[in-house]
Amino acid sequence: MLDAFIEYLNGIYYEGYAENFKEDNPDTFYQQFVQFVNDYR
């Protein structure tokens, strides 16, 4: 599911965005990932 979230973010913004976001702000990245999982389960 993490791969799907990364692809989703990269698709909305730009290739590599998710990796940058994860490195720059890991707490928010994982909060949004949990929300993504809950929304698409």
C-alpha atoms as a PDB file:
ATOM      1  CA  MET A   1       0.000   0.000   0.000  1.00  0.00           C
ATOM      2  CA  LEU A   2       2.955   2.321   0.612  1.00  0.00           C
ATOM      3  CA  ASP A   3       3.976   1.891  -3.031  1.00  0.00           C
ATOM      4  CA  ALA A   4       0.465   2.900  -4.133  1.00  0.00           C
ATOM      5  CA  PHE A   5       0.625   5.997  -1.929  1.00  0.00           C
ATOM      6  CA  ILE A   6       4.007   6.974  -3.342  1.00  0.00           C
ATOM      7  CA  GLU A   7       2.756   6.515  -6.907  1.00  0.00           C
ATOM      8  CA  TYR A   8      -0.349   8.546  -6.058  1.00  0.00           C
ATOM      9  CA  LEU A   9       1.681  11.483  -4.695  1.00  0.00           C
ATOM     10  CA  ASN A  10       4.140  11.363  -7.574  1.00  0.00           C
ATOM     11  CA  GLY A  11       1.223  11.354 -10.017  1.00  0.00           C
ATOM     12  CA  ILE A  12      -0.374  14.423  -8.454  1.00  0.00           C
ATOM     13  CA  TYR A  13       2.802  16.455  -8.122  1.00  0.00           C
ATOM     14  CA  TYR A  14       5.979  15.289  -9.857  1.00  0.00           C
ATOM     15  CA  GLU A  15       8.198  12.227 -10.028  1.00  0.00           C
ATOM     16  CA  GLY A  16      10.219  12.038  -6.835  1.00  0.00           C
ATOM     17  CA  TYR A  17       7.883  14.249  -4.797  1.00  0.00           C
ATOM     18  CA  ALA A  18       6.896  11.476  -2.381  1.00  0.00           C
ATOM     19  CA  GLU A  19      10.488  10.591  -1.583  1.00  0.00           C
ATOM     20  CA  ASN A  20      11.338  14.245  -0.957  1.00  0.00           C
ATOM     21  CA  PHE A  21       8.243  14.705   1.177  1.00  0.00           C
ATOM     22  CA  LYS A  22       9.076  11.589   3.207  1.00  0.00           C
ATOM     23  CA  GLU A  23      12.627  12.819   3.852  1.00  0.00           C
ATOM     24  CA  ASP A  24      11.677  16.438   4.586  1.00  0.00           C
ATOM     25  CA  ASN A  25       8.618  15.816   6.754  1.00  0.00           C
ATOM     26  CA  PRO A  26       8.293  12.151   7.781  1.00  0.00           C
ATOM     27  CA  ASP A  27       5.645  12.731  10.467  1.00  0.00           C
ATOM     28  CA  THR A  28       3.235  14.393   8.057  1.00  0.00           C
ATOM     29  CA  PHE A  29       4.070  11.885   5.326  1.00  0.00           C
ATOM     30  CA  TYR A  30       3.088   8.963   7.540  1.00  0.00           C
ATOM     31  CA  GLN A  31      -0.020  10.751   8.861  1.00  0.00           C
ATOM     32  CA  GLN A  32      -1.187  11.258   5.287  1.00  0.00           C
ATOM     33  CA  PHE A  33      -0.273   7.670   4.444  1.00  0.00           C
ATOM     34  CA  VAL A  34      -2.493   6.391   7.284  1.00  0.00           C
ATOM     35  CA  GLN A  35      -5.318   8.587   6.017  1.00  0.00           C
ATOM     36  CA  PHE A  36      -4.772   7.246   2.474  1.00  0.00           C
ATOM     37  CA  VAL A  37      -4.965   3.656   3.746  1.00  0.00           C
ATOM     38  CA  ASN A  38      -8.124   4.368   5.720  1.00  0.00           C
ATOM     39  CA  ASP A  39      -9.783   6.075   2.757  1.00  0.00           C
ATOM     40  CA  TYR A  40      -8.968   3.370   0.205  1.00  0.00           C
ATOM     41  CA  ARG A  41      -9.436   0.216   2.236  1.00  0.00           C
END
